[in-house]
Amino acid sequence: MIEVEVRARVDNLDDVRTVLDNMGAKLVKSLSQVDKVFELEKFLDSEHKIIEGGIVARIRQDGGKTKVQFKEISRIDGAGIELSSEVGDISLAVEFLEKLDFKECFTVCKKRNTYSYDGFVICLDDVESLGTFIEIEKMVDSSNLKADAKEDCMGLLGKIVPNSEIEERKYGDLMQDIINDEKN
């Protein structure tokens, strides 16, 4: 499956929740997520960000579960392959990633409310150090459906948060910007 997503900054998550409730979107879950993000040198650019098409690994803890995930970074069309598997021991997962030459680079902590609406997954995120965002995701099973899915996501975003500020950068890019600014 291919995940197609759009992300936008929002000023007030409560206002967005009200719109979602009025649309009939269903709250699926609320949770806190902690992502330990790992990078592989060959996938980094000069700013230490993952290149387009590169792979990022993360260990995600949420709702009492821990998963190792590999995600293809796709900023251009907002679609990338994502693989995920539950693990029982974080230290073994870290050791496994390190044996593959992945290096831990930062942690992203967020509170996420996930909604379901008409085949879309809508996430409202309050991300520590970064701010508040809405993500709209749609899964497709073929690369030739990505453009239509992205257009659908953008259309839904326009209904929920008109004139929103699209954020093309991934949370990892935003975190790396903070790290780079602190170094300078």
C-alpha atoms as a PDB file:
ATOM      1  CA  MET A   1       0.000   0.000   0.000  1.00  0.00           C
ATOM      2  CA  ILE A   2       1.097   3.558  -0.684  1.00  0.00           C
ATOM      3  CA  GLU A   3       0.297   6.317   1.796  1.00  0.00           C
ATOM      4  CA  VAL A   4      -0.602   9.656   0.224  1.00  0.00           C
ATOM      5  CA  GLU A   5      -0.734  12.577   2.633  1.00  0.00           C
ATOM      6  CA  VAL A   6      -0.942  16.331   2.907  1.00  0.00           C
ATOM      7  CA  ARG A   7      -0.027  18.311   6.003  1.00  0.00           C
ATOM      8  CA  ALA A   8      -0.861  21.840   7.055  1.00  0.00           C
ATOM      9  CA  ARG A   9      -0.165  24.024  10.042  1.00  0.00           C
ATOM     10  CA  VAL A  10      -3.228  25.026  12.026  1.00  0.00           C
ATOM     11  CA  ASP A  11      -3.663  27.700  14.666  1.00  0.00           C
ATOM     12  CA  ASN A  12      -6.347  26.052  16.768  1.00  0.00           C
ATOM     13  CA  LEU A  13      -6.993  22.309  16.923  1.00  0.00           C
ATOM     14  CA  ASP A  14     -10.275  22.853  18.802  1.00  0.00           C
ATOM     15  CA  ASP A  15     -11.686  24.769  15.807  1.00  0.00           C
ATOM     16  CA  VAL A  16     -10.646  21.916  13.491  1.00  0.00           C
ATOM     17  CA  ARG A  17     -12.240  19.335  15.813  1.00  0.00           C
ATOM     18  CA  THR A  18     -15.505  21.288  15.660  1.00  0.00           C
ATOM     19  CA  VAL A  19     -15.451  21.223  11.837  1.00  0.00           C
ATOM     20  CA  LEU A  20     -14.705  17.479  11.841  1.00  0.00           C
ATOM     21  CA  ASP A  21     -17.552  16.812  14.292  1.00  0.00           C
ATOM     22  CA  ASN A  22     -19.945  18.839  12.140  1.00  0.00           C
ATOM     23  CA  MET A  23     -18.859  16.883   9.026  1.00  0.00           C
ATOM     24  CA  GLY A  24     -19.568  13.587  10.768  1.00  0.00           C
ATOM     25  CA  ALA A  25     -15.935  12.471  11.018  1.00  0.00           C
ATOM     26  CA  LYS A  26     -15.460   9.731  13.614  1.00  0.00           C
ATOM     27  CA  LEU A  27     -12.792   9.990  16.286  1.00  0.00           C
ATOM     28  CA  VAL A  28     -10.967   6.655  16.093  1.00  0.00           C
ATOM     29  CA  LYS A  29      -8.319   7.134  18.762  1.00  0.00           C
ATOM     30  CA  SER A  30      -6.392   9.627  20.829  1.00  0.00           C
ATOM     31  CA  LEU A  31      -2.877   8.847  21.912  1.00  0.00           C
ATOM     32  CA  SER A  32       0.601  10.096  22.569  1.00  0.00           C
ATOM     33  CA  GLN A  33       3.352   8.970  20.213  1.00  0.00           C
ATOM     34  CA  VAL A  34       7.074   8.967  20.753  1.00  0.00           C
ATOM     35  CA  ASP A  35       9.155   8.398  17.622  1.00  0.00           C
ATOM     36  CA  LYS A  36      12.869   7.687  17.890  1.00  0.00           C
ATOM     37  CA  VAL A  37      14.075   8.611  14.411  1.00  0.00           C
ATOM     38  CA  PHE A  38      17.087   6.949  12.798  1.00  0.00           C
ATOM     39  CA  GLU A  39      18.943   7.982   9.663  1.00  0.00           C
ATOM     40  CA  LEU A  40      21.292   6.271   7.257  1.00  0.00           C
ATOM     41  CA  GLU A  41      24.228   8.367   6.021  1.00  0.00           C
ATOM     42  CA  LYS A  42      23.717   7.521   2.342  1.00  0.00           C
ATOM     43  CA  PHE A  43      20.202   9.025   2.475  1.00  0.00           C
ATOM     44  CA  LEU A  44      21.263  12.419   3.921  1.00  0.00           C
ATOM     45  CA  ASP A  45      21.756  15.724   2.124  1.00  0.00           C
ATOM     46  CA  SER A  46      24.156  18.532   3.084  1.00  0.00           C
ATOM     47  CA  GLU A  47      21.652  19.829   5.699  1.00  0.00           C
ATOM     48  CA  HIS A  48      21.473  16.372   7.293  1.00  0.00           C
ATOM     49  CA  LYS A  49      17.907  15.845   5.987  1.00  0.00           C
ATOM     50  CA  ILE A  50      16.653  12.677   4.333  1.00  0.00           C
ATOM     51  CA  ILE A  51      16.839  12.991   0.531  1.00  0.00           C
ATOM     52  CA  GLU A  52      13.798  12.560  -1.678  1.00  0.00           C
ATOM     53  CA  GLY A  53      13.204   8.823  -2.058  1.00  0.00           C
ATOM     54  CA  GLY A  54      15.483   8.008   0.881  1.00  0.00           C
ATOM     55  CA  ILE A  55      14.538   5.741   3.754  1.00  0.00           C
ATOM     56  CA  VAL A  56      14.078   6.776   7.372  1.00  0.00           C
ATOM     57  CA  ALA A  57      13.664   4.312  10.212  1.00  0.00           C
ATOM     58  CA  ARG A  58      11.832   4.952  13.437  1.00  0.00           C
ATOM     59  CA  ILE A  59      10.814   3.187  16.569  1.00  0.00           C
ATOM     60  CA  ARG A  60       7.311   4.344  17.413  1.00  0.00           C
ATOM     61  CA  GLN A  61       5.760   3.918  20.830  1.00  0.00           C
ATOM     62  CA  ASP A  62       2.042   4.536  21.100  1.00  0.00           C
ATOM     63  CA  GLY A  63      -0.831   3.058  23.011  1.00  0.00           C
ATOM     64  CA  GLY A  64       1.433   0.590  24.806  1.00  0.00           C
ATOM     65  CA  LYS A  65       2.735  -0.861  21.530  1.00  0.00           C
ATOM     66  CA  THR A  66       6.170  -0.484  19.982  1.00  0.00           C
ATOM     67  CA  LYS A  67       6.802  -0.739  16.242  1.00  0.00           C
ATOM     68  CA  VAL A  68       9.842  -0.541  14.015  1.00  0.00           C
ATOM     69  CA  GLN A  69       8.953   1.324  10.845  1.00  0.00           C
ATOM     70  CA  PHE A  70      10.752   2.064   7.610  1.00  0.00           C
ATOM     71  CA  LYS A  71       9.367   4.919   5.551  1.00  0.00           C
ATOM     72  CA  GLU A  72      10.270   6.149   2.082  1.00  0.00           C
ATOM     73  CA  ILE A  73      10.429   9.953   2.094  1.00  0.00           C
ATOM     74  CA  SER A  74       8.338  11.549  -0.619  1.00  0.00           C
ATOM     75  CA  ARG A  75       7.811  15.280  -0.289  1.00  0.00           C
ATOM     76  CA  ILE A  76       6.964  15.925  -3.956  1.00  0.00           C
ATOM     77  CA  ASP A  77       3.840  13.827  -4.319  1.00  0.00           C
ATOM     78  CA  GLY A  78       3.249  13.073  -0.635  1.00  0.00           C
ATOM     79  CA  ALA A  79       3.276   9.316  -1.225  1.00  0.00           C
ATOM     80  CA  GLY A  80       5.774   6.773  -0.034  1.00  0.00           C
ATOM     81  CA  ILE A  81       6.051   3.124   0.873  1.00  0.00           C
ATOM     82  CA  GLU A  82       5.820   2.390   4.597  1.00  0.00           C
ATOM     83  CA  LEU A  83       6.690  -0.905   6.295  1.00  0.00           C
ATOM     84  CA  SER A  84       5.915  -1.568   9.941  1.00  0.00           C
ATOM     85  CA  SER A  85       6.303  -4.423  12.400  1.00  0.00           C
ATOM     86  CA  GLU A  86       5.524  -4.660  16.090  1.00  0.00           C
ATOM     87  CA  VAL A  87       8.466  -5.428  18.378  1.00  0.00           C
ATOM     88  CA  GLY A  88       8.630  -6.510  21.987  1.00  0.00           C
ATOM     89  CA  ASP A  89      11.966  -5.063  23.047  1.00  0.00           C
ATOM     90  CA  ILE A  90      13.044  -1.507  22.228  1.00  0.00           C
ATOM     91  CA  SER A  91      16.714  -2.161  23.002  1.00  0.00           C
ATOM     92  CA  LEU A  92      16.810  -5.062  20.522  1.00  0.00           C
ATOM     93  CA  ALA A  93      15.129  -2.904  17.887  1.00  0.00           C
ATOM     94  CA  VAL A  94      17.733  -0.161  18.421  1.00  0.00           C
ATOM     95  CA  GLU A  95      20.537  -2.750  18.224  1.00  0.00           C
ATOM     96  CA  PHE A  96      19.064  -4.144  14.982  1.00  0.00           C
ATOM     97  CA  LEU A  97      18.887  -0.685  13.366  1.00  0.00           C
ATOM     98  CA  GLU A  98      22.433   0.109  14.466  1.00  0.00           C
ATOM     99  CA  LYS A  99      23.663  -3.161  12.875  1.00  0.00           C
ATOM    100  CA  LEU A 100      22.121  -1.869   9.641  1.00  0.00           C
ATOM    101  CA  ASP A 101      24.190   1.362  10.123  1.00  0.00           C
ATOM    102  CA  PHE A 102      21.210   3.516  11.078  1.00  0.00           C
ATOM    103  CA  LYS A 103      22.077   6.230  13.621  1.00  0.00           C
ATOM    104  CA  GLU A 104      19.590   7.703  16.088  1.00  0.00           C
ATOM    105  CA  CYS A 105      19.219  11.416  15.351  1.00  0.00           C
ATOM    106  CA  PHE A 106      16.271  12.820  17.349  1.00  0.00           C
ATOM    107  CA  THR A 107      12.951  12.071  18.998  1.00  0.00           C
ATOM    108  CA  VAL A 108       9.565  13.468  17.983  1.00  0.00           C
ATOM    109  CA  CYS A 109       6.865  13.578  20.683  1.00  0.00           C
ATOM    110  CA  LYS A 110       3.288  14.293  19.723  1.00  0.00           C
ATOM    111  CA  LYS A 111      -0.273  14.040  20.888  1.00  0.00           C
ATOM    112  CA  ARG A 112      -2.431  12.734  18.056  1.00  0.00           C
ATOM    113  CA  ASN A 113      -6.184  12.507  17.548  1.00  0.00           C
ATOM    114  CA  THR A 114      -7.045  10.263  14.609  1.00  0.00           C
ATOM    115  CA  TYR A 115     -10.341  10.562  12.747  1.00  0.00           C
ATOM    116  CA  SER A 116     -11.905   8.532   9.977  1.00  0.00           C
ATOM    117  CA  TYR A 117     -13.954  10.184   7.255  1.00  0.00           C
ATOM    118  CA  ASP A 118     -15.095   8.845   3.882  1.00  0.00           C
ATOM    119  CA  GLY A 119     -12.006   6.684   3.226  1.00  0.00           C
ATOM    120  CA  PHE A 120      -9.556   9.229   4.655  1.00  0.00           C
ATOM    121  CA  VAL A 121      -7.535   9.196   7.850  1.00  0.00           C
ATOM    122  CA  ILE A 122      -7.331  12.653   9.416  1.00  0.00           C
ATOM    123  CA  CYS A 123      -4.767  13.258  12.152  1.00  0.00           C
ATOM    124  CA  LEU A 124      -4.670  16.290  14.409  1.00  0.00           C
ATOM    125  CA  ASP A 125      -1.177  16.585  15.854  1.00  0.00           C
ATOM    126  CA  ASP A 126       0.257  18.690  18.650  1.00  0.00           C
ATOM    127  CA  VAL A 127       3.995  18.177  18.138  1.00  0.00           C
ATOM    128  CA  GLU A 128       6.440  19.157  20.867  1.00  0.00           C
ATOM    129  CA  SER A 129       8.734  21.998  19.674  1.00  0.00           C
ATOM    130  CA  LEU A 130       6.984  22.212  16.266  1.00  0.00           C
ATOM    131  CA  GLY A 131       3.361  23.273  16.785  1.00  0.00           C
ATOM    132  CA  THR A 132      -0.054  22.030  15.678  1.00  0.00           C
ATOM    133  CA  PHE A 133      -0.889  20.341  12.369  1.00  0.00           C
ATOM    134  CA  ILE A 134      -3.535  18.477  10.426  1.00  0.00           C
ATOM    135  CA  GLU A 135      -2.575  15.523   8.230  1.00  0.00           C
ATOM    136  CA  ILE A 136      -4.959  14.012   5.736  1.00  0.00           C
ATOM    137  CA  GLU A 137      -4.005  10.567   4.448  1.00  0.00           C
ATOM    138  CA  LYS A 138      -5.372   8.209   1.866  1.00  0.00           C
ATOM    139  CA  MET A 139      -4.029   4.755   1.071  1.00  0.00           C
ATOM    140  CA  VAL A 140      -3.807   3.564  -2.533  1.00  0.00           C
ATOM    141  CA  ASP A 141      -2.578   0.292  -3.947  1.00  0.00           C
ATOM    142  CA  SER A 142      -1.095   1.585  -7.187  1.00  0.00           C
ATOM    143  CA  SER A 143       1.398   4.320  -8.093  1.00  0.00           C
ATOM    144  CA  ASN A 144      -0.846   5.617 -10.865  1.00  0.00           C
ATOM    145  CA  LEU A 145      -3.494   6.522  -8.250  1.00  0.00           C
ATOM    146  CA  LYS A 146      -1.192   8.812  -6.237  1.00  0.00           C
ATOM    147  CA  ALA A 147      -1.941  12.071  -8.081  1.00  0.00           C
ATOM    148  CA  ASP A 148      -5.722  11.647  -7.786  1.00  0.00           C
ATOM    149  CA  ALA A 149      -5.398  10.692  -4.109  1.00  0.00           C
ATOM    150  CA  LYS A 150      -3.295  13.781  -3.380  1.00  0.00           C
ATOM    151  CA  GLU A 151      -5.877  15.970  -5.142  1.00  0.00           C
ATOM    152  CA  ASP A 152      -8.606  14.336  -3.031  1.00  0.00           C
ATOM    153  CA  CYS A 153      -6.618  15.013   0.154  1.00  0.00           C
ATOM    154  CA  MET A 154      -6.091  18.656  -0.846  1.00  0.00           C
ATOM    155  CA  GLY A 155      -9.802  19.055  -1.589  1.00  0.00           C
ATOM    156  CA  LEU A 156     -10.759  17.689   1.820  1.00  0.00           C
ATOM    157  CA  LEU A 157      -8.172  19.902   3.519  1.00  0.00           C
ATOM    158  CA  GLY A 158      -9.748  22.919   1.787  1.00  0.00           C
ATOM    159  CA  LYS A 159     -13.131  21.987   3.249  1.00  0.00           C
ATOM    160  CA  ILE A 160     -11.794  21.484   6.766  1.00  0.00           C
ATOM    161  CA  VAL A 161      -9.258  24.319   7.021  1.00  0.00           C
ATOM    162  CA  PRO A 162      -9.705  26.780   4.127  1.00  0.00           C
ATOM    163  CA  ASN A 163      -6.625  28.863   3.289  1.00  0.00           C
ATOM    164  CA  SER A 164      -4.415  26.688   5.485  1.00  0.00           C
ATOM    165  CA  GLU A 165      -0.643  26.897   5.307  1.00  0.00           C
ATOM    166  CA  ILE A 166       0.550  23.689   3.593  1.00  0.00           C
ATOM    167  CA  GLU A 167       3.653  22.219   5.214  1.00  0.00           C
ATOM    168  CA  GLU A 168       5.635  20.255   2.636  1.00  0.00           C
ATOM    169  CA  ARG A 169       8.362  19.377   5.116  1.00  0.00           C
ATOM    170  CA  LYS A 170       8.117  16.239   7.200  1.00  0.00           C
ATOM    171  CA  TYR A 171       8.286  16.487  10.998  1.00  0.00           C
ATOM    172  CA  GLY A 172      11.815  15.119  10.725  1.00  0.00           C
ATOM    173  CA  ASP A 173      12.806  17.982   8.396  1.00  0.00           C
ATOM    174  CA  LEU A 174      11.359  20.509  10.832  1.00  0.00           C
ATOM    175  CA  MET A 175      13.234  18.904  13.737  1.00  0.00           C
ATOM    176  CA  GLN A 176      16.448  18.865  11.719  1.00  0.00           C
ATOM    177  CA  ASP A 177      15.967  22.598  10.966  1.00  0.00           C
ATOM    178  CA  ILE A 178      15.854  23.235  14.736  1.00  0.00           C
ATOM    179  CA  ILE A 179      18.982  21.111  15.269  1.00  0.00           C
ATOM    180  CA  ASN A 180      20.788  22.910  12.429  1.00  0.00           C
ATOM    181  CA  ASP A 181      19.794  26.342  13.814  1.00  0.00           C
ATOM    182  CA  GLU A 182      21.102  25.380  17.268  1.00  0.00           C
ATOM    183  CA  LYS A 183      24.461  24.378  15.734  1.00  0.00           C
ATOM    184  CA  ASN A 184      24.832  27.735  13.969  1.00  0.00           C
END
